[in-house]
PDB file of N, CA and C in Angstrom:
ATOM      1  N   MET A   1       0.818  -1.157   0.000  1.00  0.00           N
ATOM      2  CA  MET A   1       0.000   0.000   0.000  1.00  0.00           C
ATOM      3  C   MET A   1       0.873   1.235   0.000  1.00  0.00           C
ATOM      4  N   THR A   2       0.595   2.066  -0.843  1.00  0.00           N
ATOM      5  CA  THR A   2       1.377   3.295  -0.906  1.00  0.00           C
ATOM      6  C   THR A   2       0.539   4.441  -0.375  1.00  0.00           C
ATOM      7  N   SER A   3       1.152   5.200   0.527  1.00  0.00           N
ATOM      8  CA  SER A   3       0.436   6.369   1.051  1.00  0.00           C
ATOM      9  C   SER A   3       1.203   7.622   0.645  1.00  0.00           C
ATOM     10  N   THR A   4       0.490   8.562   0.274  1.00  0.00           N
ATOM     11  CA  THR A   4       1.112   9.827  -0.115  1.00  0.00           C
ATOM     12  C   THR A   4       0.735  10.891   0.894  1.00  0.00           C
ATOM     13  N   ALA A   5       1.724  11.668   1.253  1.00  0.00           N
ATOM     14  CA  ALA A   5       1.484  12.752   2.201  1.00  0.00           C
ATOM     15  C   ALA A   5       0.829  13.912   1.462  1.00  0.00           C
ATOM     16  N   PRO A   6      -0.040  14.606   2.160  1.00  0.00           N
ATOM     17  CA  PRO A   6      -0.664  15.749   1.488  1.00  0.00           C
ATOM     18  C   PRO A   6       0.380  16.820   1.193  1.00  0.00           C
ATOM     19  N   THR A   7       0.321  17.347   0.044  1.00  0.00           N
ATOM     20  CA  THR A   7       1.272  18.379  -0.370  1.00  0.00           C
ATOM     21  C   THR A   7       0.603  19.736  -0.308  1.00  0.00           C
ATOM     22  N   PRO A   8       1.383  20.732   0.056  1.00  0.00           N
ATOM     23  CA  PRO A   8       0.788  22.071   0.086  1.00  0.00           C
ATOM     24  C   PRO A   8       0.470  22.523  -1.332  1.00  0.00           C
ATOM     25  N   PRO A   9      -0.451  23.440  -1.448  1.00  0.00           N
ATOM     26  CA  PRO A   9      -0.773  23.931  -2.787  1.00  0.00           C
ATOM     27  C   PRO A   9       0.458  24.561  -3.421  1.00  0.00           C
ATOM     28  N   SER A  10       0.588  24.365  -4.703  1.00  0.00           N
ATOM     29  CA  SER A  10       1.782  24.832  -5.395  1.00  0.00           C
ATOM     30  C   SER A  10       1.824  26.349  -5.508  1.00  0.00           C
ATOM     31  N   SER A  11       0.713  26.993  -5.470  1.00  0.00           N
ATOM     32  CA  SER A  11       0.698  28.452  -5.591  1.00  0.00           C
ATOM     33  C   SER A  11       0.341  29.076  -4.250  1.00  0.00           C
ATOM     34  N   SER A  12       1.162  28.806  -3.247  1.00  0.00           N
ATOM     35  CA  SER A  12       0.881  29.383  -1.932  1.00  0.00           C
ATOM     36  C   SER A  12       1.354  30.834  -1.925  1.00  0.00           C
ATOM     37  N   VAL A  13       0.414  31.715  -1.793  1.00  0.00           N
ATOM     38  CA  VAL A  13       0.700  33.146  -1.790  1.00  0.00           C
ATOM     39  C   VAL A  13       0.327  33.684  -0.415  1.00  0.00           C
ATOM     40  N   THR A  14       1.274  34.380   0.199  1.00  0.00           N
ATOM     41  CA  THR A  14       0.965  34.991   1.487  1.00  0.00           C
ATOM     42  C   THR A  14       0.204  36.278   1.230  1.00  0.00           C
ATOM     43  N   PRO A  15      -0.868  36.479   1.957  1.00  0.00           N
ATOM     44  CA  PRO A  15      -1.644  37.695   1.722  1.00  0.00           C
ATOM     45  C   PRO A  15      -0.843  38.929   2.149  1.00  0.00           C
ATOM     46  N   GLN A  16      -0.862  39.938   1.350  1.00  0.00           N
ATOM     47  CA  GLN A  16      -0.161  41.184   1.638  1.00  0.00           C
ATOM     48  C   GLN A  16      -1.130  42.155   2.301  1.00  0.00           C
ATOM     49  N   ILE A  17      -0.697  42.705   3.431  1.00  0.00           N
ATOM     50  CA  ILE A  17      -1.503  43.703   4.130  1.00  0.00           C
ATOM     51  C   ILE A  17      -1.094  45.062   3.595  1.00  0.00           C
ATOM     52  N   PRO A  18      -2.049  45.853   3.181  1.00  0.00           N
ATOM     53  CA  PRO A  18      -1.668  47.173   2.663  1.00  0.00           C
ATOM     54  C   PRO A  18      -1.045  48.025   3.758  1.00  0.00           C
ATOM     55  N   ALA A  19      -0.053  48.806   3.370  1.00  0.00           N
ATOM     56  CA  ALA A  19       0.653  49.658   4.334  1.00  0.00           C
ATOM     57  C   ALA A  19      -0.244  50.822   4.728  1.00  0.00           C
ATOM     58  N   THR A  20      -0.498  50.916   6.016  1.00  0.00           N
ATOM     59  CA  THR A  20      -1.255  52.040   6.559  1.00  0.00           C
ATOM     60  C   THR A  20      -0.410  52.688   7.628  1.00  0.00           C
ATOM     61  N   GLU A  21      -0.974  53.673   8.282  1.00  0.00           N
ATOM     62  CA  GLU A  21      -0.211  54.367   9.316  1.00  0.00           C
ATOM     63  C   GLU A  21       0.097  53.445  10.487  1.00  0.00           C
ATOM     64  N   SER A  22      -0.831  52.546  10.817  1.00  0.00           N
ATOM     65  CA  SER A  22      -0.626  51.725  12.003  1.00  0.00           C
ATOM     66  C   SER A  22       0.398  50.625  11.795  1.00  0.00           C
ATOM     67  N   ASN A  23       0.552  50.120  10.562  1.00  0.00           N
ATOM     68  CA  ASN A  23       1.502  49.038  10.365  1.00  0.00           C
ATOM     69  C   ASN A  23       2.606  49.416   9.385  1.00  0.00           C
ATOM     70  N   SER A  24       2.913  50.691   9.263  1.00  0.00           N
ATOM     71  CA  SER A  24       3.967  51.104   8.351  1.00  0.00           C
ATOM     72  C   SER A  24       5.345  50.724   8.884  1.00  0.00           C
ATOM     73  N   ASN A  25       5.491  50.614  10.203  1.00  0.00           N
ATOM     74  CA  ASN A  25       6.748  50.191  10.793  1.00  0.00           C
ATOM     75  C   ASN A  25       6.567  48.779  11.336  1.00  0.00           C
ATOM     76  N   PRO A  26       7.175  47.774  10.714  1.00  0.00           N
ATOM     77  CA  PRO A  26       6.945  46.405  11.187  1.00  0.00           C
ATOM     78  C   PRO A  26       7.594  46.130  12.538  1.00  0.00           C
ATOM     79  N   TYR A  27       8.478  46.995  13.015  1.00  0.00           N
ATOM     80  CA  TYR A  27       9.176  46.775  14.277  1.00  0.00           C
ATOM     81  C   TYR A  27       8.544  47.529  15.440  1.00  0.00           C
ATOM     82  N   ALA A  28       7.510  48.287  15.185  1.00  0.00           N
ATOM     83  CA  ALA A  28       6.876  49.072  16.239  1.00  0.00           C
ATOM     84  C   ALA A  28       6.060  48.168  17.149  1.00  0.00           C
ATOM     85  N   ARG A  29       5.940  48.598  18.394  1.00  0.00           N
ATOM     86  CA  ARG A  29       5.096  47.867  19.334  1.00  0.00           C
ATOM     87  C   ARG A  29       3.641  48.013  18.914  1.00  0.00           C
ATOM     88  N   PRO A  30       2.850  46.972  19.051  1.00  0.00           N
ATOM     89  CA  PRO A  30       1.434  47.098  18.715  1.00  0.00           C
ATOM     90  C   PRO A  30       0.753  48.058  19.679  1.00  0.00           C
ATOM     91  N   GLY A  31      -0.004  48.973  19.162  1.00  0.00           N
ATOM     92  CA  GLY A  31      -0.738  49.921  19.983  1.00  0.00           C
ATOM     93  C   GLY A  31       0.092  51.084  20.476  1.00  0.00           C
ATOM     94  N   PHE A  32       1.331  51.224  20.040  1.00  0.00           N
ATOM     95  CA  PHE A  32       2.189  52.319  20.506  1.00  0.00           C
ATOM     96  C   PHE A  32       2.071  53.487  19.546  1.00  0.00           C
ATOM     97  N   ASN A  33       1.760  54.649  20.081  1.00  0.00           N
ATOM     98  CA  ASN A  33       1.675  55.864  19.282  1.00  0.00           C
ATOM     99  C   ASN A  33       2.618  56.888  19.898  1.00  0.00           C
ATOM    100  N   PRO A  34       3.737  57.219  19.241  1.00  0.00           N
ATOM    101  CA  PRO A  34       4.697  58.139  19.862  1.00  0.00           C
ATOM    102  C   PRO A  34       4.171  59.560  19.989  1.00  0.00           C
ATOM    103  N   ASP A  35       3.124  59.912  19.251  1.00  0.00           N
ATOM    104  CA  ASP A  35       2.588  61.266  19.322  1.00  0.00           C
ATOM    105  C   ASP A  35       1.514  61.414  20.387  1.00  0.00           C
ATOM    106  N   ALA A  36       1.112  60.312  20.992  1.00  0.00           N
ATOM    107  CA  ALA A  36       0.085  60.373  22.024  1.00  0.00           C
ATOM    108  C   ALA A  36       0.661  61.008  23.280  1.00  0.00           C
ATOM    109  N   PRO A  37      -0.158  61.776  24.021  1.00  0.00           N
ATOM    110  CA  PRO A  37       0.345  62.377  25.257  1.00  0.00           C
ATOM    111  C   PRO A  37       0.714  61.319  26.284  1.00  0.00           C
ATOM    112  N   SER A  38       1.698  61.627  27.069  1.00  0.00           N
ATOM    113  CA  SER A  38       2.195  60.690  28.073  1.00  0.00           C
ATOM    114  C   SER A  38       1.236  60.629  29.251  1.00  0.00           C
ATOM    115  N   THR A  39       1.158  59.471  29.872  1.00  0.00           N
ATOM    116  CA  THR A  39       0.300  59.346  31.046  1.00  0.00           C
ATOM    117  C   THR A  39       1.079  59.541  32.337  1.00  0.00           C
ATOM    118  N   SER A  40       2.391  59.675  32.254  1.00  0.00           N
ATOM    119  CA  SER A  40       3.177  59.898  33.462  1.00  0.00           C
ATOM    120  C   SER A  40       3.273  61.396  33.738  1.00  0.00           C
ATOM    121  N   ARG A  41       3.680  61.716  34.952  1.00  0.00           N
ATOM    122  CA  ARG A  41       3.850  63.119  35.335  1.00  0.00           C
ATOM    123  C   ARG A  41       5.277  63.389  35.785  1.00  0.00           C
ATOM    124  N   LEU A  42       6.225  62.636  35.276  1.00  0.00           N
ATOM    125  CA  LEU A  42       7.608  62.741  35.731  1.00  0.00           C
ATOM    126  C   LEU A  42       8.191  64.121  35.448  1.00  0.00           C
ATOM    127  N   LEU A  43       8.065  64.618  34.226  1.00  0.00           N
ATOM    128  CA  LEU A  43       8.636  65.922  33.891  1.00  0.00           C
ATOM    129  C   LEU A  43       7.964  67.042  34.677  1.00  0.00           C
ATOM    130  N   SER A  44       6.656  66.929  34.876  1.00  0.00           N
ATOM    131  CA  SER A  44       5.941  67.952  35.642  1.00  0.00           C
ATOM    132  C   SER A  44       6.420  67.997  37.087  1.00  0.00           C
ATOM    133  N   ILE A  45       6.603  66.842  37.683  1.00  0.00           N
ATOM    134  CA  ILE A  45       7.072  66.786  39.071  1.00  0.00           C
ATOM    135  C   ILE A  45       8.511  67.267  39.163  1.00  0.00           C
ATOM    136  N   LEU A  46       9.341  66.936  38.166  1.00  0.00           N
ATOM    137  CA  LEU A  46      10.718  67.446  38.154  1.00  0.00           C
ATOM    138  C   LEU A  46      10.748  68.969  38.042  1.00  0.00           C
ATOM    139  N   SER A  47       9.867  69.520  37.234  1.00  0.00           N
ATOM    140  CA  SER A  47       9.799  70.979  37.117  1.00  0.00           C
ATOM    141  C   SER A  47       9.374  71.609  38.438  1.00  0.00           C
ATOM    142  N   PHE A  48       8.387  71.014  39.077  1.00  0.00           N
ATOM    143  CA  PHE A  48       7.916  71.527  40.365  1.00  0.00           C
ATOM    144  C   PHE A  48       9.001  71.444  41.431  1.00  0.00           C
ATOM    145  N   ALA A  49       9.678  70.289  41.495  1.00  0.00           N
ATOM    146  CA  ALA A  49      10.758  70.135  42.472  1.00  0.00           C
ATOM    147  C   ALA A  49      11.910  71.085  42.167  1.00  0.00           C
ATOM    148  N   GLY A  50      12.203  71.292  40.885  1.00  0.00           N
ATOM    149  CA  GLY A  50      13.249  72.245  40.509  1.00  0.00           C
ATOM    150  C   GLY A  50      12.878  73.668  40.875  1.00  0.00           C
ATOM    151  N   GLY A  51      11.603  74.012  40.748  1.00  0.00           N
ATOM    152  CA  GLY A  51      11.148  75.347  41.147  1.00  0.00           C
ATOM    153  C   GLY A  51      11.275  75.576  42.637  1.00  0.00           C
ATOM    154  N   ILE A  52      10.903  74.584  43.433  1.00  0.00           N
ATOM    155  CA  ILE A  52      11.044  74.705  44.889  1.00  0.00           C
ATOM    156  C   ILE A  52      12.519  74.768  45.269  1.00  0.00           C
ATOM    157  N   ALA A  53      13.325  73.906  44.675  1.00  0.00           N
ATOM    158  CA  ALA A  53      14.754  73.885  44.997  1.00  0.00           C
ATOM    159  C   ALA A  53      15.438  75.176  44.565  1.00  0.00           C
ATOM    160  N   SER A  54      14.968  75.779  43.474  1.00  0.00           N
ATOM    161  CA  SER A  54      15.603  77.030  43.038  1.00  0.00           C
ATOM    162  C   SER A  54      15.295  78.172  44.000  1.00  0.00           C
ATOM    163  N   LEU A  55      14.179  78.098  44.704  1.00  0.00           N
ATOM    164  CA  LEU A  55      13.903  79.118  45.729  1.00  0.00           C
ATOM    165  C   LEU A  55      14.697  78.843  47.004  1.00  0.00           C
ATOM    166  N   ILE A  56      14.820  77.578  47.364  1.00  0.00           N
ATOM    167  CA  ILE A  56      15.528  77.232  48.600  1.00  0.00           C
ATOM    168  C   ILE A  56      17.034  77.406  48.431  1.00  0.00           C
ATOM    169  N   PHE A  57      17.572  76.832  47.356  1.00  0.00           N
ATOM    170  CA  PHE A  57      19.003  76.936  47.081  1.00  0.00           C
ATOM    171  C   PHE A  57      19.198  78.015  46.032  1.00  0.00           C
ATOM    172  N   GLY A  58      19.066  79.245  46.394  1.00  0.00           N
ATOM    173  CA  GLY A  58      19.054  80.339  45.436  1.00  0.00           C
ATOM    174  C   GLY A  58      20.413  80.801  44.967  1.00  0.00           C
ATOM    175  N   GLN A  59      21.475  80.075  45.220  1.00  0.00           N
ATOM    176  CA  GLN A  59      22.803  80.522  44.828  1.00  0.00           C
ATOM    177  C   GLN A  59      23.136  80.174  43.389  1.00  0.00           C
ATOM    178  N   THR A  60      22.262  79.552  42.673  1.00  0.00           N
ATOM    179  CA  THR A  60      22.584  79.129  41.312  1.00  0.00           C
ATOM    180  C   THR A  60      21.563  79.676  40.326  1.00  0.00           C
ATOM    181  N   VAL A  61      21.994  79.892  39.124  1.00  0.00           N
ATOM    182  CA  VAL A  61      21.107  80.337  38.053  1.00  0.00           C
ATOM    183  C   VAL A  61      20.773  79.159  37.140  1.00  0.00           C
ATOM    184  N   ILE A  62      21.566  78.107  37.200  1.00  0.00           N
ATOM    185  CA  ILE A  62      21.384  76.964  36.306  1.00  0.00           C
ATOM    186  C   ILE A  62      20.114  76.195  36.660  1.00  0.00           C
ATOM    187  N   LEU A  63      19.822  76.014  37.933  1.00  0.00           N
ATOM    188  CA  LEU A  63      18.662  75.231  38.347  1.00  0.00           C
ATOM    189  C   LEU A  63      17.344  75.855  37.901  1.00  0.00           C
ATOM    190  N   PRO A  64      17.116  77.161  38.057  1.00  0.00           N
ATOM    191  CA  PRO A  64      15.858  77.709  37.553  1.00  0.00           C
ATOM    192  C   PRO A  64      15.726  77.602  36.035  1.00  0.00           C
ATOM    193  N   VAL A  65      16.825  77.781  35.315  1.00  0.00           N
ATOM    194  CA  VAL A  65      16.761  77.680  33.854  1.00  0.00           C
ATOM    195  C   VAL A  65      16.411  76.249  33.446  1.00  0.00           C
ATOM    196  N   ALA A  66      17.006  75.261  34.099  1.00  0.00           N
ATOM    197  CA  ALA A  66      16.695  73.860  33.788  1.00  0.00           C
ATOM    198  C   ALA A  66      15.240  73.546  34.133  1.00  0.00           C
ATOM    199  N   ALA A  67      14.750  74.038  35.268  1.00  0.00           N
ATOM    200  CA  ALA A  67      13.365  73.790  35.655  1.00  0.00           C
ATOM    201  C   ALA A  67      12.393  74.469  34.699  1.00  0.00           C
ATOM    202  N   ILE A  68      12.752  75.630  34.174  1.00  0.00           N
ATOM    203  CA  ILE A  68      11.896  76.314  33.193  1.00  0.00           C
ATOM    204  C   ILE A  68      11.817  75.510  31.905  1.00  0.00           C
ATOM    205  N   ILE A  69      12.940  75.015  31.429  1.00  0.00           N
ATOM    206  CA  ILE A  69      12.942  74.219  30.203  1.00  0.00           C
ATOM    207  C   ILE A  69      12.132  72.944  30.384  1.00  0.00           C
ATOM    208  N   ILE A  70      12.347  72.244  31.500  1.00  0.00           N
ATOM    209  CA  ILE A  70      11.606  71.011  31.768  1.00  0.00           C
ATOM    210  C   ILE A  70      10.114  71.309  31.930  1.00  0.00           C
ATOM    211  N   GLY A  71       9.779  72.427  32.554  1.00  0.00           N
ATOM    212  CA  GLY A  71       8.371  72.785  32.742  1.00  0.00           C
ATOM    213  C   GLY A  71       7.655  73.047  31.431  1.00  0.00           C
ATOM    214  N   HIS A  72       8.321  73.720  30.511  1.00  0.00           N
ATOM    215  CA  HIS A  72       7.686  73.968  29.210  1.00  0.00           C
ATOM    216  C   HIS A  72       7.521  72.673  28.419  1.00  0.00           C
ATOM    217  N   ILE A  73       8.488  71.786  28.498  1.00  0.00           N
ATOM    218  CA  ILE A  73       8.358  70.479  27.826  1.00  0.00           C
ATOM    219  C   ILE A  73       7.222  69.681  28.468  1.00  0.00           C
ATOM    220  N   ALA A  74       7.129  69.730  29.790  1.00  0.00           N
ATOM    221  CA  ALA A  74       6.087  68.979  30.502  1.00  0.00           C
ATOM    222  C   ALA A  74       4.698  69.499  30.170  1.00  0.00           C
ATOM    223  N   ARG A  75       4.542  70.801  30.039  1.00  0.00           N
ATOM    224  CA  ARG A  75       3.218  71.347  29.693  1.00  0.00           C
ATOM    225  C   ARG A  75       2.766  70.887  28.323  1.00  0.00           C
ATOM    226  N   ARG A  76       3.698  70.664  27.423  1.00  0.00           N
ATOM    227  CA  ARG A  76       3.341  70.212  26.086  1.00  0.00           C
ATOM    228  C   ARG A  76       3.055  68.710  26.052  1.00  0.00           C
ATOM    229  N   ARG A  77       3.820  67.921  26.791  1.00  0.00           N
ATOM    230  CA  ARG A  77       3.736  66.464  26.672  1.00  0.00           C
ATOM    231  C   ARG A  77       2.818  65.791  27.681  1.00  0.00           C
ATOM    232  N   GLU A  78       2.612  66.389  28.835  1.00  0.00           N
ATOM    233  CA  GLU A  78       1.891  65.721  29.918  1.00  0.00           C
ATOM    234  C   GLU A  78       0.667  66.521  30.348  1.00  0.00           C
ATOM    235  N   PRO A  79      -0.486  66.224  29.755  1.00  0.00           N
ATOM    236  CA  PRO A  79      -1.681  66.994  30.136  1.00  0.00           C
ATOM    237  C   PRO A  79      -2.150  66.727  31.564  1.00  0.00           C
ATOM    238  N   GLU A  80      -1.831  65.553  32.120  1.00  0.00           N
ATOM    239  CA  GLU A  80      -2.265  65.263  33.485  1.00  0.00           C
ATOM    240  C   GLU A  80      -1.453  66.036  34.522  1.00  0.00           C
ATOM    241  N   GLY A  81      -0.257  66.459  34.177  1.00  0.00           N
ATOM    242  CA  GLY A  81       0.605  67.137  35.139  1.00  0.00           C
ATOM    243  C   GLY A  81       0.750  68.619  34.882  1.00  0.00           C
ATOM    244  N   ARG A  82      -0.238  69.238  34.254  1.00  0.00           N
ATOM    245  CA  ARG A  82      -0.125  70.662  33.910  1.00  0.00           C
ATOM    246  C   ARG A  82      -0.020  71.551  35.143  1.00  0.00           C
ATOM    247  N   THR A  83      -0.673  71.178  36.229  1.00  0.00           N
ATOM    248  CA  THR A  83      -0.629  72.013  37.429  1.00  0.00           C
ATOM    249  C   THR A  83       0.759  71.989  38.052  1.00  0.00           C
ATOM    250  N   PHE A  84       1.355  70.805  38.147  1.00  0.00           N
ATOM    251  CA  PHE A  84       2.727  70.722  38.666  1.00  0.00           C
ATOM    252  C   PHE A  84       3.684  71.512  37.776  1.00  0.00           C
ATOM    253  N   ALA A  85       3.530  71.370  36.473  1.00  0.00           N
ATOM    254  CA  ALA A  85       4.419  72.078  35.548  1.00  0.00           C
ATOM    255  C   ALA A  85       4.221  73.588  35.662  1.00  0.00           C
ATOM    256  N   LEU A  86       2.965  74.025  35.807  1.00  0.00           N
ATOM    257  CA  LEU A  86       2.696  75.455  35.926  1.00  0.00           C
ATOM    258  C   LEU A  86       3.328  76.037  37.187  1.00  0.00           C
ATOM    259  N   TRP A  87       3.184  75.332  38.310  1.00  0.00           N
ATOM    260  CA  TRP A  87       3.793  75.829  39.541  1.00  0.00           C
ATOM    261  C   TRP A  87       5.308  75.772  39.492  1.00  0.00           C
ATOM    262  N   GLY A  88       5.840  74.767  38.823  1.00  0.00           N
ATOM    263  CA  GLY A  88       7.287  74.719  38.636  1.00  0.00           C
ATOM    264  C   GLY A  88       7.777  75.898  37.820  1.00  0.00           C
ATOM    265  N   LEU A  89       7.025  76.245  36.774  1.00  0.00           N
ATOM    266  CA  LEU A  89       7.394  77.414  35.956  1.00  0.00           C
ATOM    267  C   LEU A  89       7.290  78.708  36.757  1.00  0.00           C
ATOM    268  N   ILE A  90       6.216  78.857  37.524  1.00  0.00           N
ATOM    269  CA  ILE A  90       6.035  80.094  38.316  1.00  0.00           C
ATOM    270  C   ILE A  90       7.171  80.255  39.321  1.00  0.00           C
ATOM    271  N   LEU A  91       7.487  79.196  40.052  1.00  0.00           N
ATOM    272  CA  LEU A  91       8.543  79.289  41.060  1.00  0.00           C
ATOM    273  C   LEU A  91       9.916  79.509  40.420  1.00  0.00           C
ATOM    274  N   SER A  92      10.151  78.879  39.284  1.00  0.00           N
ATOM    275  CA  SER A  92      11.449  79.043  38.611  1.00  0.00           C
ATOM    276  C   SER A  92      11.606  80.445  38.044  1.00  0.00           C
ATOM    277  N   TYR A  93      10.550  80.962  37.415  1.00  0.00           N
ATOM    278  CA  TYR A  93      10.621  82.331  36.900  1.00  0.00           C
ATOM    279  C   TYR A  93      10.776  83.332  38.044  1.00  0.00           C
ATOM    280  N   LEU A  94      10.091  83.083  39.151  1.00  0.00           N
ATOM    281  CA  LEU A  94      10.221  83.967  40.318  1.00  0.00           C
ATOM    282  C   LEU A  94      11.658  83.978  40.824  1.00  0.00           C
ATOM    283  N   SER A  95      12.276  82.816  40.903  1.00  0.00           N
ATOM    284  CA  SER A  95      13.661  82.727  41.353  1.00  0.00           C
ATOM    285  C   SER A  95      14.606  83.404  40.355  1.00  0.00           C
ATOM    286  N   LEU A  96      14.381  83.177  39.066  1.00  0.00           N
ATOM    287  CA  LEU A  96      15.257  83.765  38.047  1.00  0.00           C
ATOM    288  C   LEU A  96      15.128  85.288  38.025  1.00  0.00           C
ATOM    289  N   PHE A  97      13.886  85.788  38.090  1.00  0.00           N
ATOM    290  CA  PHE A  97      13.711  87.244  38.102  1.00  0.00           C
ATOM    291  C   PHE A  97      14.189  87.857  39.411  1.00  0.00           C
ATOM    292  N   GLY A  98      14.157  87.090  40.486  1.00  0.00           N
ATOM    293  CA  GLY A  98      14.735  87.563  41.748  1.00  0.00           C
ATOM    294  C   GLY A  98      16.238  87.770  41.611  1.00  0.00           C
ATOM    295  N   TRP A  99      16.895  86.833  40.911  1.00  0.00           N
ATOM    296  CA  TRP A  99      18.325  86.996  40.653  1.00  0.00           C
ATOM    297  C   TRP A  99      18.597  88.234  39.816  1.00  0.00           C
ATOM    298  N   LEU A 100      17.791  88.448  38.793  1.00  0.00           N
ATOM    299  CA  LEU A 100      17.981  89.639  37.955  1.00  0.00           C
ATOM    300  C   LEU A 100      17.767  90.922  38.757  1.00  0.00           C
ATOM    301  N   ALA A 101      16.784  90.927  39.652  1.00  0.00           N
ATOM    302  CA  ALA A 101      16.541  92.105  40.487  1.00  0.00           C
ATOM    303  C   ALA A 101      17.717  92.364  41.420  1.00  0.00           C
ATOM    304  N   VAL A 102      18.284  91.320  41.996  1.00  0.00           N
ATOM    305  CA  VAL A 102      19.436  91.487  42.887  1.00  0.00           C
ATOM    306  C   VAL A 102      20.625  92.053  42.114  1.00  0.00           C
ATOM    307  N   ILE A 103      20.847  91.563  40.913  1.00  0.00           N
ATOM    308  CA  ILE A 103      21.969  92.065  40.104  1.00  0.00           C
ATOM    309  C   ILE A 103      21.760  93.523  39.722  1.00  0.00           C
ATOM    310  N   ILE A 104      20.544  93.873  39.317  1.00  0.00           N
ATOM    311  CA  ILE A 104      20.275  95.267  38.921  1.00  0.00           C
ATOM    312  C   ILE A 104      20.394  96.197  40.126  1.00  0.00           C
ATOM    313  N   ILE A 105      19.835  95.818  41.260  1.00  0.00           N
ATOM    314  CA  ILE A 105      19.942  96.657  42.468  1.00  0.00           C
ATOM    315  C   ILE A 105      21.394  96.781  42.902  1.00  0.00           C
ATOM    316  N   GLY A 106      22.154  95.699  42.804  1.00  0.00           N
ATOM    317  CA  GLY A 106      23.574  95.769  43.147  1.00  0.00           C
ATOM    318  C   GLY A 106      24.336  96.708  42.233  1.00  0.00           C
ATOM    319  N   LEU A 107      24.019  96.680  40.940  1.00  0.00           N
ATOM    320  CA  LEU A 107      24.688  97.608  40.016  1.00  0.00           C
ATOM    321  C   LEU A 107      24.300  99.058  40.280  1.00  0.00           C
ATOM    322  N   VAL A 108      23.023  99.281  40.601  1.00  0.00           N
ATOM    323  CA  VAL A 108      22.577 100.657  40.887  1.00  0.00           C
ATOM    324  C   VAL A 108      23.261 101.194  42.135  1.00  0.00           C
ATOM    325  N   ILE A 109      23.454 100.372  43.129  1.00  0.00           N
ATOM    326  CA  ILE A 109      24.102 100.821  44.366  1.00  0.00           C
ATOM    327  C   ILE A 109      25.615 100.936  44.176  1.00  0.00           C
ATOM    328  N   ALA A 110      26.219  99.995  43.467  1.00  0.00           N
ATOM    329  CA  ALA A 110      27.675  99.965  43.373  1.00  0.00           C
ATOM    330  C   ALA A 110      28.233 100.969  42.365  1.00  0.00           C
ATOM    331  N   THR A 111      27.466 101.294  41.337  1.00  0.00           N
ATOM    332  CA  THR A 111      27.999 102.179  40.299  1.00  0.00           C
ATOM    333  C   THR A 111      28.349 103.568  40.836  1.00  0.00           C
ATOM    334  N   PRO A 112      27.476 104.255  41.579  1.00  0.00           N
ATOM    335  CA  PRO A 112      27.884 105.567  42.098  1.00  0.00           C
ATOM    336  C   PRO A 112      29.056 105.485  43.077  1.00  0.00           C
ATOM    337  N   LEU A 113      29.089 104.441  43.883  1.00  0.00           N
ATOM    338  CA  LEU A 113      30.197 104.296  44.827  1.00  0.00           C
ATOM    339  C   LEU A 113      31.507 104.093  44.068  1.00  0.00           C
ATOM    340  N   PHE A 114      31.470 103.336  42.994  1.00  0.00           N
ATOM    341  CA  PHE A 114      32.666 103.109  42.213  1.00  0.00           C
ATOM    342  C   PHE A 114      33.114 104.375  41.473  1.00  0.00           C
ATOM    343  N   LEU A 115      32.139 105.133  40.943  1.00  0.00           N
ATOM    344  CA  LEU A 115      32.485 106.367  40.212  1.00  0.00           C
ATOM    345  C   LEU A 115      33.033 107.434  41.135  1.00  0.00           C
ATOM    346  N   PHE A 116      32.435 107.613  42.329  1.00  0.00           N
ATOM    347  CA  PHE A 116      32.896 108.655  43.230  1.00  0.00           C
ATOM    348  C   PHE A 116      34.152 108.258  43.998  1.00  0.00           C
ATOM    349  N   ALA A 117      34.528 107.027  43.965  1.00  0.00           N
ATOM    350  CA  ALA A 117      35.741 106.604  44.651  1.00  0.00           C
ATOM    351  C   ALA A 117      36.989 107.135  43.933  1.00  0.00           C
ATOM    352  N   TRP A 118      36.869 107.451  42.665  1.00  0.00           N
ATOM    353  CA  TRP A 118      37.994 107.960  41.890  1.00  0.00           C
ATOM    354  C   TRP A 118      38.192 109.455  42.070  1.00  0.00           C
ATOM    355  N   MET A 119      37.258 110.157  42.653  1.00  0.00           N
ATOM    356  CA  MET A 119      37.388 111.610  42.786  1.00  0.00           C
ATOM    357  C   MET A 119      38.088 112.019  44.028  1.00  0.00           C
TER     358      MET A 119
END
């Protein structure tokens, strides 16, 4: 008795899925949309903490500038953390403008003393 194994069809064609926006990248995670807003509040909390730290540790200008940049990025990317980002921006701008006020007041006070010291 001879038995023959079933053979696959000779014209086996794999169906082609048309390229759309969702499957244009075959390596992307399913359901991942990079343009979707983030559900985390990490940047917003970092901006808020940077704003508080810039008021407490007021000897630096770098910290308020970094908190301002992070706060603006957080307001764009994280809709759930807008309040934290807003307060981080307010505190950072307050600290930065406080530094500018101290520098301007120092120049106003020191300039006449420096000019009259030569006379």
